[in-house]
Amino acid sequence: MSSRTSSVSDLATVVFDMDGVLVDSIDVMRQAFEIAYAEVVGGTTPLFDEYRKHLGRYFPDIMRIMGLPGEMQAPYMRESARLADQVLVYPGIPAMLDQLREMGVATAVATGKSGERARSLLDRLGLLDRFDIVVGSDEVARPKPAPDIVERALDVLGATAVSAAMVGDAITDMRSAQAAGVLAVAAVWGEGDEAELLGVNPDVVLRFPAEVPMLVRSHATRGIA
């Protein structure tokens, strides 16, 4: 676990991104994207690597940024649902979430997925009841990298930014956290590119899920140094 100096003295709330942090869904995303592209645009595509650069954003926003037709959303969602049983929970995630709950820490999910899709997937994987709230990008005015989705979670939980952290694996997660004024925690145990994430100056870099409770304890006892 590495970090830079932070003024936060206590962490009572942890907000998580979902894909690449809680669940390993990259292969499902790739399959769904390629099928949707073939159906709507035609042919094969090497564009998934570009799509990955925008993970954390809402799907329609990614299509707009990439100049792809919004009609790709329907087949993408269909295939994502069909392949949902291939999504895996990262090792150590359930134990980490249970530990946070035992410590009295409020937990939330702030995801680029729609709220309904996120809650359905988390329920299927046995994780939904480990979170106090799940917020999807369709449930806020401005999705990541705007702060709205983090702020929505904090508002519902009655939490303050100074006592909260956002754990994510994408640049959009870090920018959303920074804009919301919460601790920006880069998770690199999944798909997160550490070099890219360091380029946007996260407050903390974590390499294992078990380090999240350690981070909370360090703030409760002496702060981050």
C-alpha atoms as a PDB file:
ATOM      1  CA  MET A   1       0.000   0.000   0.000  1.00  0.00           C
ATOM      2  CA  SER A   2       1.505   3.336  -1.015  1.00  0.00           C
ATOM      3  CA  SER A   3       0.154   6.825  -0.443  1.00  0.00           C
ATOM      4  CA  ARG A   4       0.858  10.509  -0.224  1.00  0.00           C
ATOM      5  CA  THR A   5       0.033  12.855   2.616  1.00  0.00           C
ATOM      6  CA  SER A   6      -3.685  13.433   3.203  1.00  0.00           C
ATOM      7  CA  SER A   7      -5.577  15.658   5.621  1.00  0.00           C
ATOM      8  CA  VAL A   8      -8.320  13.083   6.158  1.00  0.00           C
ATOM      9  CA  SER A   9      -8.278  11.924   9.786  1.00  0.00           C
ATOM     10  CA  ASP A  10     -11.020   9.287   9.741  1.00  0.00           C
ATOM     11  CA  LEU A  11     -12.770   7.175   7.118  1.00  0.00           C
ATOM     12  CA  ALA A  12     -16.372   6.259   7.830  1.00  0.00           C
ATOM     13  CA  THR A  13     -17.542   5.657   4.243  1.00  0.00           C
ATOM     14  CA  VAL A  14     -15.965   3.813   1.311  1.00  0.00           C
ATOM     15  CA  VAL A  15     -17.442   4.116  -2.182  1.00  0.00           C
ATOM     16  CA  PHE A  16     -16.405   1.487  -4.736  1.00  0.00           C
ATOM     17  CA  ASP A  17     -16.439   1.363  -8.489  1.00  0.00           C
ATOM     18  CA  MET A  18     -17.696  -2.052  -9.594  1.00  0.00           C
ATOM     19  CA  ASP A  19     -16.079  -3.384 -12.789  1.00  0.00           C
ATOM     20  CA  GLY A  20     -12.361  -3.961 -12.341  1.00  0.00           C
ATOM     21  CA  VAL A  21     -12.600  -3.368  -8.589  1.00  0.00           C
ATOM     22  CA  LEU A  22     -15.256  -5.707  -7.187  1.00  0.00           C
ATOM     23  CA  VAL A  23     -15.800  -7.945 -10.196  1.00  0.00           C
ATOM     24  CA  ASP A  24     -13.734  -9.233 -13.101  1.00  0.00           C
ATOM     25  CA  SER A  25     -15.949  -8.514 -16.089  1.00  0.00           C
ATOM     26  CA  ILE A  26     -13.445  -7.542 -18.775  1.00  0.00           C
ATOM     27  CA  ASP A  27     -13.949 -10.661 -20.938  1.00  0.00           C
ATOM     28  CA  VAL A  28     -17.725 -10.238 -20.827  1.00  0.00           C
ATOM     29  CA  MET A  29     -17.352  -6.583 -21.798  1.00  0.00           C
ATOM     30  CA  ARG A  30     -15.116  -7.531 -24.722  1.00  0.00           C
ATOM     31  CA  GLN A  31     -17.532 -10.166 -26.035  1.00  0.00           C
ATOM     32  CA  ALA A  32     -20.564  -7.898 -25.642  1.00  0.00           C
ATOM     33  CA  PHE A  33     -18.818  -4.965 -27.302  1.00  0.00           C
ATOM     34  CA  GLU A  34     -17.637  -6.972 -30.278  1.00  0.00           C
ATOM     35  CA  ILE A  35     -21.067  -8.536 -30.851  1.00  0.00           C
ATOM     36  CA  ALA A  36     -22.794  -5.157 -30.565  1.00  0.00           C
ATOM     37  CA  TYR A  37     -20.311  -3.588 -32.975  1.00  0.00           C
ATOM     38  CA  ALA A  38     -20.771  -6.366 -35.517  1.00  0.00           C
ATOM     39  CA  GLU A  39     -24.561  -6.068 -35.352  1.00  0.00           C
ATOM     40  CA  VAL A  40     -24.812  -2.290 -35.584  1.00  0.00           C
ATOM     41  CA  VAL A  41     -21.700  -1.179 -37.467  1.00  0.00           C
ATOM     42  CA  GLY A  42     -20.713  -4.371 -39.244  1.00  0.00           C
ATOM     43  CA  GLY A  43     -17.499  -6.309 -39.552  1.00  0.00           C
ATOM     44  CA  THR A  44     -14.911  -6.956 -36.898  1.00  0.00           C
ATOM     45  CA  THR A  45     -13.298  -4.306 -34.727  1.00  0.00           C
ATOM     46  CA  PRO A  46     -10.051  -3.732 -32.835  1.00  0.00           C
ATOM     47  CA  LEU A  47     -11.721  -0.848 -30.966  1.00  0.00           C
ATOM     48  CA  PHE A  48     -12.181  -2.548 -27.609  1.00  0.00           C
ATOM     49  CA  ASP A  49      -8.788  -1.336 -26.418  1.00  0.00           C
ATOM     50  CA  GLU A  50     -10.005   2.206 -27.033  1.00  0.00           C
ATOM     51  CA  TYR A  51     -13.265   1.402 -25.229  1.00  0.00           C
ATOM     52  CA  ARG A  52     -11.292   0.210 -22.200  1.00  0.00           C
ATOM     53  CA  LYS A  53      -9.658   3.621 -21.869  1.00  0.00           C
ATOM     54  CA  HIS A  54     -13.061   5.081 -21.049  1.00  0.00           C
ATOM     55  CA  LEU A  55     -14.231   2.485 -18.528  1.00  0.00           C
ATOM     56  CA  GLY A  56     -15.994   4.025 -15.572  1.00  0.00           C
ATOM     57  CA  ARG A  57     -18.058   6.269 -17.837  1.00  0.00           C
ATOM     58  CA  TYR A  58     -21.670   5.576 -18.775  1.00  0.00           C
ATOM     59  CA  PHE A  59     -21.960   3.494 -21.969  1.00  0.00           C
ATOM     60  CA  PRO A  60     -23.804   6.166 -24.018  1.00  0.00           C
ATOM     61  CA  ASP A  61     -21.081   8.676 -23.134  1.00  0.00           C
ATOM     62  CA  ILE A  62     -18.393   6.271 -24.322  1.00  0.00           C
ATOM     63  CA  MET A  63     -20.211   5.808 -27.627  1.00  0.00           C
ATOM     64  CA  ARG A  64     -20.393   9.570 -28.064  1.00  0.00           C
ATOM     65  CA  ILE A  65     -16.700  10.032 -27.258  1.00  0.00           C
ATOM     66  CA  MET A  66     -15.681   7.243 -29.656  1.00  0.00           C
ATOM     67  CA  GLY A  67     -17.992   8.434 -32.418  1.00  0.00           C
ATOM     68  CA  LEU A  68     -19.944   5.176 -32.421  1.00  0.00           C
ATOM     69  CA  PRO A  69     -23.725   4.837 -32.846  1.00  0.00           C
ATOM     70  CA  GLY A  70     -25.806   4.890 -29.703  1.00  0.00           C
ATOM     71  CA  GLU A  71     -27.786   1.972 -31.150  1.00  0.00           C
ATOM     72  CA  MET A  72     -24.947  -0.268 -29.931  1.00  0.00           C
ATOM     73  CA  GLN A  73     -26.294   0.066 -26.391  1.00  0.00           C
ATOM     74  CA  ALA A  74     -29.227  -2.354 -26.779  1.00  0.00           C
ATOM     75  CA  PRO A  75     -27.219  -5.340 -28.105  1.00  0.00           C
ATOM     76  CA  TYR A  76     -24.392  -4.560 -25.690  1.00  0.00           C
ATOM     77  CA  MET A  77     -26.782  -4.709 -22.722  1.00  0.00           C
ATOM     78  CA  ARG A  78     -28.446  -7.849 -24.100  1.00  0.00           C
ATOM     79  CA  GLU A  79     -25.150  -9.668 -24.460  1.00  0.00           C
ATOM     80  CA  SER A  80     -23.859  -8.445 -21.103  1.00  0.00           C
ATOM     81  CA  ALA A  81     -26.953  -9.934 -19.469  1.00  0.00           C
ATOM     82  CA  ARG A  82     -26.615 -13.192 -21.418  1.00  0.00           C
ATOM     83  CA  LEU A  83     -22.991 -13.583 -20.374  1.00  0.00           C
ATOM     84  CA  ALA A  84     -23.441 -12.387 -16.791  1.00  0.00           C
ATOM     85  CA  ASP A  85     -22.692 -15.820 -15.340  1.00  0.00           C
ATOM     86  CA  GLN A  86     -19.125 -15.440 -16.634  1.00  0.00           C
ATOM     87  CA  VAL A  87     -18.486 -12.419 -14.394  1.00  0.00           C
ATOM     88  CA  LEU A  88     -16.371 -13.338 -11.370  1.00  0.00           C
ATOM     89  CA  VAL A  89     -15.855 -11.706  -7.993  1.00  0.00           C
ATOM     90  CA  TYR A  90     -12.211 -10.865  -7.353  1.00  0.00           C
ATOM     91  CA  PRO A  91     -10.639 -13.007  -4.617  1.00  0.00           C
ATOM     92  CA  GLY A  92     -10.763 -11.344  -1.228  1.00  0.00           C
ATOM     93  CA  ILE A  93     -13.643  -8.986  -2.027  1.00  0.00           C
ATOM     94  CA  PRO A  94     -16.384 -10.624   0.117  1.00  0.00           C
ATOM     95  CA  ALA A  95     -14.058 -10.913   3.109  1.00  0.00           C
ATOM     96  CA  MET A  96     -12.933  -7.308   2.721  1.00  0.00           C
ATOM     97  CA  LEU A  97     -16.518  -6.030   2.549  1.00  0.00           C
ATOM     98  CA  ASP A  98     -17.522  -8.107   5.572  1.00  0.00           C
ATOM     99  CA  GLN A  99     -14.579  -6.698   7.485  1.00  0.00           C
ATOM    100  CA  LEU A 100     -15.586  -3.131   6.650  1.00  0.00           C
ATOM    101  CA  ARG A 101     -19.112  -3.875   7.823  1.00  0.00           C
ATOM    102  CA  GLU A 102     -17.756  -5.268  11.114  1.00  0.00           C
ATOM    103  CA  MET A 103     -15.750  -2.049  11.520  1.00  0.00           C
ATOM    104  CA  GLY A 104     -18.907   0.033  11.146  1.00  0.00           C
ATOM    105  CA  VAL A 105     -17.871   1.507   7.784  1.00  0.00           C
ATOM    106  CA  ALA A 106     -20.666   2.456   5.375  1.00  0.00           C
ATOM    107  CA  THR A 107     -20.151   1.085   1.871  1.00  0.00           C
ATOM    108  CA  ALA A 108     -21.512   2.131  -1.502  1.00  0.00           C
ATOM    109  CA  VAL A 109     -21.098   1.345  -5.185  1.00  0.00           C
ATOM    110  CA  ALA A 110     -20.831   4.121  -7.769  1.00  0.00           C
ATOM    111  CA  THR A 111     -20.676   2.499 -11.194  1.00  0.00           C
ATOM    112  CA  GLY A 112     -20.666   3.337 -14.862  1.00  0.00           C
ATOM    113  CA  LYS A 113     -23.410   0.743 -15.320  1.00  0.00           C
ATOM    114  CA  SER A 114     -27.072   1.584 -14.937  1.00  0.00           C
ATOM    115  CA  GLY A 115     -28.318   1.168 -11.398  1.00  0.00           C
ATOM    116  CA  GLU A 116     -30.675  -1.678 -12.271  1.00  0.00           C
ATOM    117  CA  ARG A 117     -27.972  -3.672 -14.086  1.00  0.00           C
ATOM    118  CA  ALA A 118     -25.477  -3.112 -11.284  1.00  0.00           C
ATOM    119  CA  ARG A 119     -27.860  -4.181  -8.532  1.00  0.00           C
ATOM    120  CA  SER A 120     -28.954  -7.245 -10.514  1.00  0.00           C
ATOM    121  CA  LEU A 121     -25.365  -8.371 -11.086  1.00  0.00           C
ATOM    122  CA  LEU A 122     -24.307  -7.750  -7.492  1.00  0.00           C
ATOM    123  CA  ASP A 123     -27.345  -9.683  -6.286  1.00  0.00           C
ATOM    124  CA  ARG A 124     -26.500 -12.601  -8.593  1.00  0.00           C
ATOM    125  CA  LEU A 125     -22.961 -12.634  -7.189  1.00  0.00           C
ATOM    126  CA  GLY A 126     -24.089 -12.487  -3.568  1.00  0.00           C
ATOM    127  CA  LEU A 127     -22.647  -9.034  -2.929  1.00  0.00           C
ATOM    128  CA  LEU A 128     -25.658  -6.727  -2.993  1.00  0.00           C
ATOM    129  CA  ASP A 129     -26.526  -6.975   0.705  1.00  0.00           C
ATOM    130  CA  ARG A 130     -22.971  -5.970   1.603  1.00  0.00           C
ATOM    131  CA  PHE A 131     -23.604  -2.404   0.381  1.00  0.00           C
ATOM    132  CA  ASP A 132     -25.714   0.349   1.890  1.00  0.00           C
ATOM    133  CA  ILE A 133     -26.438   1.864  -1.528  1.00  0.00           C
ATOM    134  CA  VAL A 134     -25.676   1.204  -5.202  1.00  0.00           C
ATOM    135  CA  VAL A 135     -25.792   4.188  -7.555  1.00  0.00           C
ATOM    136  CA  GLY A 136     -25.746   3.796 -11.332  1.00  0.00           C
ATOM    137  CA  SER A 137     -24.767   6.357 -13.934  1.00  0.00           C
ATOM    138  CA  ASP A 138     -28.364   6.651 -15.131  1.00  0.00           C
ATOM    139  CA  GLU A 139     -29.388   7.811 -11.656  1.00  0.00           C
ATOM    140  CA  VAL A 140     -27.397  11.055 -11.610  1.00  0.00           C
ATOM    141  CA  ALA A 141     -27.409  14.133 -13.816  1.00  0.00           C
ATOM    142  CA  ARG A 142     -23.750  13.836 -14.757  1.00  0.00           C
ATOM    143  CA  PRO A 143     -21.898  10.496 -14.672  1.00  0.00           C
ATOM    144  CA  LYS A 144     -18.169  10.103 -14.002  1.00  0.00           C
ATOM    145  CA  PRO A 145     -15.793  11.906 -14.210  1.00  0.00           C
ATOM    146  CA  ALA A 146     -18.224  14.447 -12.697  1.00  0.00           C
ATOM    147  CA  PRO A 147     -18.581  14.191  -8.899  1.00  0.00           C
ATOM    148  CA  ASP A 148     -22.368  13.650  -8.946  1.00  0.00           C
ATOM    149  CA  ILE A 149     -22.373   9.869  -8.483  1.00  0.00           C
ATOM    150  CA  VAL A 150     -20.050  10.015  -5.462  1.00  0.00           C
ATOM    151  CA  GLU A 151     -21.948  12.954  -4.005  1.00  0.00           C
ATOM    152  CA  ARG A 152     -25.251  11.103  -4.443  1.00  0.00           C
ATOM    153  CA  ALA A 153     -23.937   8.143  -2.444  1.00  0.00           C
ATOM    154  CA  LEU A 154     -22.640  10.418   0.308  1.00  0.00           C
ATOM    155  CA  ASP A 155     -25.910  12.357   0.457  1.00  0.00           C
ATOM    156  CA  VAL A 156     -28.002   9.205   0.865  1.00  0.00           C
ATOM    157  CA  LEU A 157     -25.658   7.900   3.555  1.00  0.00           C
ATOM    158  CA  GLY A 158     -25.467  11.228   5.363  1.00  0.00           C
ATOM    159  CA  ALA A 159     -21.685  11.126   4.968  1.00  0.00           C
ATOM    160  CA  THR A 160     -19.204  13.946   4.533  1.00  0.00           C
ATOM    161  CA  ALA A 161     -16.555  14.089   1.819  1.00  0.00           C
ATOM    162  CA  VAL A 162     -13.754  14.541   4.347  1.00  0.00           C
ATOM    163  CA  SER A 163     -14.611  11.192   5.931  1.00  0.00           C
ATOM    164  CA  ALA A 164     -15.009   9.237   2.673  1.00  0.00           C
ATOM    165  CA  ALA A 165     -12.908   7.458   0.071  1.00  0.00           C
ATOM    166  CA  MET A 166     -13.587   6.334  -3.491  1.00  0.00           C
ATOM    167  CA  VAL A 167     -11.887   3.113  -4.645  1.00  0.00           C
ATOM    168  CA  GLY A 168     -11.603   2.786  -8.409  1.00  0.00           C
ATOM    169  CA  ASP A 169      -9.463   1.341 -11.175  1.00  0.00           C
ATOM    170  CA  ALA A 170      -9.925   3.997 -13.850  1.00  0.00           C
ATOM    171  CA  ILE A 171      -8.882   7.595 -14.435  1.00  0.00           C
ATOM    172  CA  THR A 172     -12.558   8.584 -14.486  1.00  0.00           C
ATOM    173  CA  ASP A 173     -12.944   7.154 -10.972  1.00  0.00           C
ATOM    174  CA  MET A 174     -10.020   9.200  -9.671  1.00  0.00           C
ATOM    175  CA  ARG A 175     -11.272  12.394 -11.277  1.00  0.00           C
ATOM    176  CA  SER A 176     -14.767  11.831  -9.903  1.00  0.00           C
ATOM    177  CA  ALA A 177     -13.326  11.275  -6.422  1.00  0.00           C
ATOM    178  CA  GLN A 178     -11.134  14.350  -6.628  1.00  0.00           C
ATOM    179  CA  ALA A 179     -14.009  16.501  -7.857  1.00  0.00           C
ATOM    180  CA  ALA A 180     -16.157  15.263  -4.966  1.00  0.00           C
ATOM    181  CA  GLY A 181     -13.403  16.037  -2.452  1.00  0.00           C
ATOM    182  CA  VAL A 182     -13.047  12.459  -1.173  1.00  0.00           C
ATOM    183  CA  LEU A 183      -9.887  10.391  -0.848  1.00  0.00           C
ATOM    184  CA  ALA A 184      -8.992   9.046  -4.312  1.00  0.00           C
ATOM    185  CA  VAL A 185      -7.892   5.414  -3.943  1.00  0.00           C
ATOM    186  CA  ALA A 186      -6.485   3.627  -6.992  1.00  0.00           C
ATOM    187  CA  ALA A 187      -7.085  -0.131  -7.008  1.00  0.00           C
ATOM    188  CA  VAL A 188      -4.610  -2.040  -9.161  1.00  0.00           C
ATOM    189  CA  TRP A 189      -5.506  -5.626  -8.233  1.00  0.00           C
ATOM    190  CA  GLY A 190      -7.702  -5.962 -11.318  1.00  0.00           C
ATOM    191  CA  GLU A 191      -7.600  -4.122 -14.621  1.00  0.00           C
ATOM    192  CA  GLY A 192      -6.259  -0.833 -13.283  1.00  0.00           C
ATOM    193  CA  ASP A 193      -3.175   0.496 -15.096  1.00  0.00           C
ATOM    194  CA  GLU A 194      -0.964   1.774 -12.289  1.00  0.00           C
ATOM    195  CA  ALA A 195       1.131   4.040 -14.505  1.00  0.00           C
ATOM    196  CA  GLU A 196      -1.957   5.720 -15.972  1.00  0.00           C
ATOM    197  CA  LEU A 197      -3.581   6.096 -12.568  1.00  0.00           C
ATOM    198  CA  LEU A 198      -0.459   7.631 -11.039  1.00  0.00           C
ATOM    199  CA  GLY A 199      -0.640  10.234 -13.796  1.00  0.00           C
ATOM    200  CA  VAL A 200      -3.780  11.702 -12.208  1.00  0.00           C
ATOM    201  CA  ASN A 201      -2.281  11.766  -8.692  1.00  0.00           C
ATOM    202  CA  PRO A 202      -4.451   9.432  -6.600  1.00  0.00           C
ATOM    203  CA  ASP A 203      -4.083   9.819  -2.854  1.00  0.00           C
ATOM    204  CA  VAL A 204      -3.471   6.119  -2.292  1.00  0.00           C
ATOM    205  CA  VAL A 205      -2.587   3.084  -4.426  1.00  0.00           C
ATOM    206  CA  LEU A 206      -3.793  -0.325  -3.198  1.00  0.00           C
ATOM    207  CA  ARG A 207      -2.656  -3.647  -4.646  1.00  0.00           C
ATOM    208  CA  PHE A 208      -4.871  -6.037  -2.684  1.00  0.00           C
ATOM    209  CA  PRO A 209      -8.491  -5.814  -1.458  1.00  0.00           C
ATOM    210  CA  ALA A 210      -7.325  -6.603   2.083  1.00  0.00           C
ATOM    211  CA  GLU A 211      -5.555  -3.243   2.130  1.00  0.00           C
ATOM    212  CA  VAL A 212      -8.865  -1.346   2.192  1.00  0.00           C
ATOM    213  CA  PRO A 213      -9.614  -2.118   5.876  1.00  0.00           C
ATOM    214  CA  MET A 214      -5.949  -1.394   6.617  1.00  0.00           C
ATOM    215  CA  LEU A 215      -6.398   2.031   5.042  1.00  0.00           C
ATOM    216  CA  VAL A 216      -9.434   2.707   7.212  1.00  0.00           C
ATOM    217  CA  ARG A 217      -7.545   1.668  10.342  1.00  0.00           C
ATOM    218  CA  SER A 218      -4.560   3.835   9.470  1.00  0.00           C
ATOM    219  CA  HIS A 219      -6.803   6.882   9.194  1.00  0.00           C
ATOM    220  CA  ALA A 220      -8.550   6.069  12.445  1.00  0.00           C
ATOM    221  CA  THR A 221      -5.284   5.803  14.365  1.00  0.00           C
ATOM    222  CA  ARG A 222      -2.751   8.188  12.890  1.00  0.00           C
ATOM    223  CA  GLY A 223      -3.780   9.362   9.412  1.00  0.00           C
ATOM    224  CA  ILE A 224      -1.866   8.664   6.231  1.00  0.00           C
ATOM    225  CA  ALA A 225       1.837   9.541   6.215  1.00  0.00           C
END
